[in-house]
N, C-alpha and C. Protein backbone atom coordinates (compact mmCIF):
# COMPACT_ATOMS: atom_id res chain seq x y z
N MET A 1 115.99 59.56 135.66
CA MET A 1 114.88 58.77 136.13
C MET A 1 115.18 57.28 136.02
N SER A 2 115.84 56.87 134.91
CA SER A 2 116.13 55.45 134.72
C SER A 2 117.17 54.96 135.72
N ASP A 3 118.07 55.85 136.16
CA ASP A 3 119.05 55.46 137.18
C ASP A 3 118.36 55.13 138.50
N GLU A 4 117.34 55.88 138.84
CA GLU A 4 116.59 55.62 140.07
C GLU A 4 115.87 54.28 139.99
N ILE A 5 115.31 53.98 138.84
CA ILE A 5 114.60 52.72 138.65
C ILE A 5 115.58 51.55 138.75
N GLN A 6 116.75 51.69 138.14
CA GLN A 6 117.75 50.63 138.21
C GLN A 6 118.24 50.43 139.64
N ASP A 7 118.45 51.53 140.37
CA ASP A 7 118.89 51.43 141.76
C ASP A 7 117.83 50.74 142.61
N THR A 8 116.58 51.08 142.36
CA THR A 8 115.49 50.46 143.10
C THR A 8 115.41 48.96 142.79
N GLU A 9 115.57 48.60 141.53
CA GLU A 9 115.54 47.19 141.14
C GLU A 9 116.70 46.42 141.76
N LYS A 10 117.88 47.03 141.78
CA LYS A 10 119.03 46.39 142.39
C LYS A 10 118.83 46.17 143.89
N LYS A 11 118.25 47.17 144.54
CA LYS A 11 117.98 47.04 145.97
C LYS A 11 116.96 45.94 146.25
N GLU A 12 115.93 45.87 145.41
CA GLU A 12 114.92 44.82 145.57
C GLU A 12 115.53 43.44 145.35
N GLN A 13 116.39 43.29 144.37
CA GLN A 13 117.05 42.01 144.11
C GLN A 13 117.96 41.63 145.28
N GLU A 14 118.65 42.60 145.83
CA GLU A 14 119.53 42.34 146.97
C GLU A 14 118.72 41.90 148.19
N ILE A 15 117.59 42.55 148.41
CA ILE A 15 116.73 42.18 149.53
C ILE A 15 116.19 40.77 149.34
N GLN A 16 115.76 40.43 148.14
CA GLN A 16 115.26 39.08 147.86
C GLN A 16 116.35 38.04 148.04
N ARG A 17 117.57 38.36 147.63
CA ARG A 17 118.68 37.42 147.79
C ARG A 17 118.99 37.19 149.26
N LEU A 18 119.00 38.25 150.05
CA LEU A 18 119.27 38.11 151.48
C LEU A 18 118.16 37.37 152.20
N GLN A 19 116.91 37.60 151.81
CA GLN A 19 115.81 36.89 152.43
C GLN A 19 115.85 35.40 152.09
N ALA A 20 116.22 35.06 150.88
CA ALA A 20 116.31 33.65 150.50
C ALA A 20 117.44 32.96 151.24
N ARG A 21 118.55 33.68 151.45
CA ARG A 21 119.68 33.09 152.16
C ARG A 21 119.38 32.91 153.65
N ALA A 22 118.59 33.78 154.22
CA ALA A 22 118.32 33.74 155.65
C ALA A 22 117.19 32.78 156.01
N GLY A 23 116.60 32.11 155.06
CA GLY A 23 115.44 31.28 155.35
C GLY A 23 115.75 29.94 155.96
N GLY A 24 117.00 29.49 155.99
CA GLY A 24 117.31 28.16 156.48
C GLY A 24 117.49 28.08 157.97
N MET A 25 117.78 26.89 158.42
CA MET A 25 117.98 26.64 159.84
C MET A 25 119.42 26.94 160.23
N LEU A 26 119.59 27.55 161.38
CA LEU A 26 120.93 27.79 161.91
C LEU A 26 121.48 26.49 162.50
N PRO A 27 122.79 26.27 162.43
CA PRO A 27 123.36 25.05 163.00
C PRO A 27 123.13 24.93 164.50
N GLY A 28 123.07 26.05 165.18
CA GLY A 28 122.84 26.02 166.63
C GLY A 28 121.48 25.46 166.98
N ILE A 29 120.50 25.72 166.15
CA ILE A 29 119.16 25.19 166.41
C ILE A 29 119.17 23.67 166.32
N ALA A 30 119.85 23.14 165.33
CA ALA A 30 119.93 21.68 165.19
C ALA A 30 120.67 21.06 166.37
N GLY A 31 121.74 21.68 166.81
CA GLY A 31 122.48 21.17 167.97
C GLY A 31 121.66 21.21 169.24
N ILE A 32 120.95 22.29 169.45
CA ILE A 32 120.11 22.41 170.63
C ILE A 32 118.99 21.38 170.58
N ALA A 33 118.41 21.17 169.40
CA ALA A 33 117.34 20.19 169.26
C ALA A 33 117.85 18.78 169.58
N MET A 34 119.05 18.44 169.11
CA MET A 34 119.60 17.12 169.41
C MET A 34 119.86 16.95 170.89
N PHE A 35 120.41 17.98 171.53
CA PHE A 35 120.68 17.90 172.97
C PHE A 35 119.38 17.78 173.76
N MET A 36 118.38 18.57 173.39
CA MET A 36 117.13 18.54 174.15
C MET A 36 116.37 17.24 173.95
N ILE A 37 116.41 16.64 172.76
CA ILE A 37 115.74 15.36 172.57
C ILE A 37 116.48 14.27 173.34
N PHE A 38 117.80 14.37 173.44
CA PHE A 38 118.58 13.43 174.25
C PHE A 38 118.21 13.55 175.72
N MET A 39 118.12 14.78 176.22
CA MET A 39 117.75 14.99 177.62
C MET A 39 116.32 14.53 177.88
N THR A 40 115.45 14.72 176.91
CA THR A 40 114.06 14.27 177.04
C THR A 40 113.99 12.76 177.16
N ILE A 41 114.75 12.07 176.33
CA ILE A 41 114.75 10.60 176.37
C ILE A 41 115.32 10.11 177.69
N LEU A 42 116.42 10.71 178.14
CA LEU A 42 117.00 10.31 179.43
C LEU A 42 116.03 10.49 180.58
N ASN A 43 115.38 11.65 180.63
CA ASN A 43 114.44 11.91 181.72
C ASN A 43 113.20 11.03 181.63
N ALA A 44 112.74 10.71 180.43
CA ALA A 44 111.59 9.82 180.28
C ALA A 44 111.92 8.41 180.77
N PHE A 45 113.09 7.90 180.40
CA PHE A 45 113.48 6.58 180.89
C PHE A 45 113.72 6.58 182.40
N ALA A 46 114.27 7.66 182.92
CA ALA A 46 114.46 7.75 184.37
C ALA A 46 113.12 7.78 185.10
N ALA A 47 112.15 8.45 184.54
CA ALA A 47 110.82 8.48 185.15
C ALA A 47 110.17 7.11 185.09
N LEU A 48 110.34 6.39 183.98
CA LEU A 48 109.76 5.06 183.86
C LEU A 48 110.42 4.06 184.80
N ARG A 49 111.70 4.25 185.08
CA ARG A 49 112.40 3.37 186.02
C ARG A 49 112.08 3.69 187.47
N GLY A 50 111.44 4.81 187.73
CA GLY A 50 111.07 5.17 189.09
C GLY A 50 112.09 6.03 189.81
N THR A 51 112.99 6.66 189.08
CA THR A 51 114.01 7.51 189.70
C THR A 51 113.39 8.70 190.40
N PHE A 52 112.31 9.23 189.87
CA PHE A 52 111.66 10.40 190.44
C PHE A 52 110.60 10.03 191.47
N GLY A 53 110.49 8.76 191.78
CA GLY A 53 109.49 8.30 192.75
C GLY A 53 108.29 7.72 192.02
N ALA A 54 107.40 7.14 192.81
CA ALA A 54 106.22 6.49 192.23
C ALA A 54 104.99 7.36 192.36
N THR A 55 105.15 8.58 192.80
CA THR A 55 103.99 9.46 193.00
C THR A 55 103.71 10.26 191.73
N THR A 56 103.06 11.38 191.89
CA THR A 56 102.68 12.19 190.74
C THR A 56 103.88 12.83 190.04
N ALA A 57 105.04 12.88 190.70
CA ALA A 57 106.24 13.45 190.07
C ALA A 57 106.61 12.66 188.81
N LYS A 58 106.41 11.36 188.87
CA LYS A 58 106.71 10.50 187.73
C LYS A 58 105.87 10.90 186.52
N TYR A 59 104.60 11.13 186.73
CA TYR A 59 103.72 11.47 185.62
C TYR A 59 103.91 12.90 185.15
N SER A 60 104.26 13.78 186.05
CA SER A 60 104.52 15.16 185.62
C SER A 60 105.79 15.24 184.78
N VAL A 61 106.81 14.46 185.15
CA VAL A 61 108.04 14.43 184.35
C VAL A 61 107.75 13.84 182.97
N LEU A 62 106.95 12.80 182.91
CA LEU A 62 106.59 12.22 181.61
C LEU A 62 105.79 13.21 180.75
N ALA A 63 104.91 13.98 181.38
CA ALA A 63 104.14 14.97 180.63
C ALA A 63 105.05 16.07 180.09
N VAL A 64 105.99 16.55 180.90
CA VAL A 64 106.92 17.58 180.45
C VAL A 64 107.80 17.04 179.33
N CYS A 65 108.25 15.80 179.46
CA CYS A 65 109.09 15.19 178.41
C CYS A 65 108.32 15.06 177.10
N THR A 66 107.06 14.68 177.18
CA THR A 66 106.25 14.57 175.97
C THR A 66 106.08 15.93 175.31
N LEU A 67 105.78 16.93 176.11
CA LEU A 67 105.62 18.28 175.57
C LEU A 67 106.91 18.80 174.96
N LEU A 68 108.03 18.52 175.61
CA LEU A 68 109.32 18.98 175.09
C LEU A 68 109.69 18.26 173.79
N ALA A 69 109.38 16.97 173.70
CA ALA A 69 109.66 16.23 172.46
C ALA A 69 108.84 16.81 171.30
N ILE A 70 107.59 17.14 171.56
CA ILE A 70 106.76 17.76 170.54
C ILE A 70 107.35 19.12 170.14
N GLY A 71 107.81 19.87 171.13
CA GLY A 71 108.42 21.17 170.86
C GLY A 71 109.68 21.07 170.04
N VAL A 72 110.50 20.05 170.30
CA VAL A 72 111.74 19.87 169.54
C VAL A 72 111.43 19.61 168.07
N PHE A 73 110.44 18.77 167.81
CA PHE A 73 110.09 18.51 166.42
C PHE A 73 109.47 19.73 165.75
N GLY A 74 108.76 20.55 166.51
CA GLY A 74 108.25 21.81 165.98
C GLY A 74 109.38 22.78 165.68
N LEU A 75 110.38 22.82 166.55
CA LEU A 75 111.53 23.69 166.33
C LEU A 75 112.31 23.28 165.09
N LEU A 76 112.44 21.98 164.88
CA LEU A 76 113.15 21.51 163.68
C LEU A 76 112.41 21.90 162.40
N ARG A 77 111.11 22.08 162.49
CA ARG A 77 110.34 22.55 161.34
C ARG A 77 110.26 24.06 161.30
N LEU A 78 111.00 24.73 162.21
CA LEU A 78 111.09 26.18 162.33
C LEU A 78 109.73 26.82 162.61
N LYS A 79 108.96 26.22 163.49
CA LYS A 79 107.67 26.77 163.91
C LYS A 79 107.87 27.59 165.18
N LYS A 80 107.12 28.67 165.29
CA LYS A 80 107.26 29.53 166.47
C LYS A 80 106.81 28.84 167.74
N TRP A 81 105.78 27.99 167.66
CA TRP A 81 105.32 27.30 168.86
C TRP A 81 106.37 26.30 169.33
N GLY A 82 107.09 25.68 168.40
CA GLY A 82 108.17 24.76 168.78
C GLY A 82 109.31 25.51 169.45
N TRP A 83 109.63 26.69 168.91
CA TRP A 83 110.66 27.53 169.51
C TRP A 83 110.27 27.92 170.92
N ALA A 84 109.01 28.29 171.12
CA ALA A 84 108.55 28.72 172.44
C ALA A 84 108.62 27.58 173.46
N ILE A 85 108.24 26.38 173.06
CA ILE A 85 108.28 25.24 173.97
C ILE A 85 109.71 24.88 174.33
N VAL A 86 110.60 24.86 173.34
CA VAL A 86 112.00 24.49 173.61
C VAL A 86 112.69 25.57 174.44
N THR A 87 112.37 26.83 174.18
CA THR A 87 112.96 27.91 174.98
C THR A 87 112.51 27.79 176.44
N ALA A 88 111.23 27.53 176.64
CA ALA A 88 110.74 27.33 178.01
C ALA A 88 111.35 26.08 178.64
N GLY A 89 111.53 25.03 177.84
CA GLY A 89 112.15 23.81 178.35
C GLY A 89 113.60 24.03 178.75
N CYS A 90 114.32 24.83 177.99
CA CYS A 90 115.71 25.16 178.35
C CYS A 90 115.76 25.90 179.67
N LEU A 91 114.86 26.86 179.83
CA LEU A 91 114.83 27.62 181.07
C LEU A 91 114.43 26.74 182.25
N LEU A 92 113.47 25.84 182.04
CA LEU A 92 113.03 24.93 183.09
C LEU A 92 114.13 23.94 183.47
N LEU A 93 114.82 23.38 182.49
CA LEU A 93 115.90 22.44 182.76
C LEU A 93 117.06 23.13 183.47
N SER A 94 117.38 24.33 183.04
CA SER A 94 118.46 25.07 183.67
C SER A 94 118.13 25.41 185.13
N SER A 95 116.92 25.88 185.38
CA SER A 95 116.56 26.21 186.76
C SER A 95 116.50 24.95 187.63
N GLY A 96 116.05 23.83 187.07
CA GLY A 96 116.06 22.58 187.83
C GLY A 96 117.47 22.13 188.16
N ASP A 97 118.39 22.28 187.23
CA ASP A 97 119.77 21.90 187.49
C ASP A 97 120.43 22.83 188.51
N PHE A 98 120.10 24.12 188.47
CA PHE A 98 120.60 25.03 189.50
C PHE A 98 120.07 24.62 190.88
N TYR A 99 118.81 24.21 190.93
CA TYR A 99 118.22 23.75 192.19
C TYR A 99 118.93 22.50 192.70
N PHE A 100 119.15 21.52 191.81
CA PHE A 100 119.83 20.29 192.23
C PHE A 100 121.27 20.57 192.64
N PHE A 101 121.93 21.51 191.98
CA PHE A 101 123.28 21.87 192.39
C PHE A 101 123.27 22.47 193.79
N GLU A 102 122.30 23.31 194.07
CA GLU A 102 122.21 23.94 195.39
C GLU A 102 121.98 22.89 196.48
N LYS A 103 121.19 21.87 196.18
CA LYS A 103 120.89 20.84 197.19
C LYS A 103 122.01 19.83 197.35
N THR A 104 122.66 19.43 196.24
CA THR A 104 123.62 18.33 196.31
C THR A 104 125.07 18.77 196.21
N LYS A 105 125.33 19.96 195.70
CA LYS A 105 126.69 20.48 195.49
C LYS A 105 127.51 19.60 194.55
N VAL A 106 126.85 18.97 193.61
CA VAL A 106 127.51 18.17 192.58
C VAL A 106 127.76 19.08 191.37
N GLY A 107 129.00 19.17 190.95
CA GLY A 107 129.39 20.10 189.89
C GLY A 107 128.77 19.82 188.54
N PHE A 108 128.39 18.57 188.31
CA PHE A 108 127.77 18.21 187.03
C PHE A 108 126.52 19.04 186.77
N PHE A 109 125.72 19.23 187.81
CA PHE A 109 124.48 19.99 187.64
C PHE A 109 124.75 21.45 187.31
N LEU A 110 125.81 22.01 187.88
CA LEU A 110 126.16 23.40 187.59
C LEU A 110 126.62 23.55 186.14
N VAL A 111 127.45 22.63 185.68
CA VAL A 111 127.94 22.69 184.30
C VAL A 111 126.79 22.54 183.31
N ARG A 112 125.91 21.57 183.55
CA ARG A 112 124.78 21.38 182.65
C ARG A 112 123.82 22.56 182.70
N ALA A 113 123.62 23.14 183.88
CA ALA A 113 122.73 24.30 184.00
C ALA A 113 123.28 25.48 183.21
N LEU A 114 124.57 25.70 183.29
CA LEU A 114 125.17 26.80 182.54
C LEU A 114 125.12 26.56 181.04
N LEU A 115 125.33 25.30 180.63
CA LEU A 115 125.25 24.97 179.20
C LEU A 115 123.84 25.20 178.67
N VAL A 116 122.85 24.75 179.39
CA VAL A 116 121.47 24.92 178.93
C VAL A 116 121.06 26.39 179.01
N LEU A 117 121.61 27.14 179.95
CA LEU A 117 121.34 28.57 180.00
C LEU A 117 121.92 29.28 178.78
N VAL A 118 123.07 28.84 178.31
CA VAL A 118 123.63 29.38 177.07
C VAL A 118 122.72 29.04 175.88
N PHE A 119 122.16 27.84 175.87
CA PHE A 119 121.21 27.47 174.82
C PHE A 119 119.99 28.39 174.85
N PHE A 120 119.50 28.67 176.05
CA PHE A 120 118.36 29.58 176.19
C PHE A 120 118.70 30.96 175.64
N LEU A 121 119.87 31.47 176.01
CA LEU A 121 120.27 32.79 175.54
C LEU A 121 120.47 32.82 174.02
N TYR A 122 120.90 31.70 173.44
CA TYR A 122 121.03 31.62 171.98
C TYR A 122 119.65 31.66 171.32
N LEU A 123 118.70 30.95 171.90
CA LEU A 123 117.38 30.87 171.28
C LEU A 123 116.61 32.18 171.33
N VAL A 124 116.88 33.03 172.30
CA VAL A 124 116.11 34.28 172.41
C VAL A 124 116.69 35.40 171.55
N ARG A 125 117.76 35.14 170.83
CA ARG A 125 118.32 36.16 169.93
C ARG A 125 117.34 36.48 168.82
N THR A 126 117.36 37.72 168.36
CA THR A 126 116.42 38.12 167.30
C THR A 126 116.75 37.45 165.97
N SER A 127 118.02 37.16 165.71
CA SER A 127 118.37 36.50 164.44
C SER A 127 117.81 35.09 164.38
N VAL A 128 117.64 34.45 165.53
CA VAL A 128 117.02 33.12 165.55
C VAL A 128 115.52 33.24 165.37
N ARG A 129 114.90 34.18 166.07
CA ARG A 129 113.45 34.35 165.99
C ARG A 129 112.99 34.79 164.61
N ASP A 130 113.83 35.52 163.90
CA ASP A 130 113.44 36.01 162.57
C ASP A 130 113.32 34.88 161.54
N ARG A 131 113.94 33.76 161.78
CA ARG A 131 113.90 32.65 160.82
C ARG A 131 112.70 31.74 161.01
N LEU A 132 111.90 31.96 162.05
CA LEU A 132 110.77 31.08 162.35
C LEU A 132 109.53 31.50 161.59
N ARG A 133 108.64 30.53 161.37
CA ARG A 133 107.36 30.79 160.71
C ARG A 133 106.24 30.67 161.70
């Protein structure tokens, strides 16, 4: 009977140790957050300079950039809502870059779209989602 109790205690200690180790942020999340905040800043300044035009596109880009910046800071705090916003932002940025590549045939957009698509695929992994609160 005491062997069973000791085995159970050892298993519980091992589970607690693994849960404590898994509670931190993955390095990929920090890298994705830095890249997305950089892209957010670039697009916000481009919108303010009038690159997207002077119509409602300018304000919609600024609204998306604001939402994405909020999401990045939520992701850095390992919040599920921040993860959801950044994941959607990755998918939106990737699809926009695929669209621009189709229209302009500039290889830069294809490379960036594939990179951001890899970020999206990284974020939807279960090991990433399990670390969020």
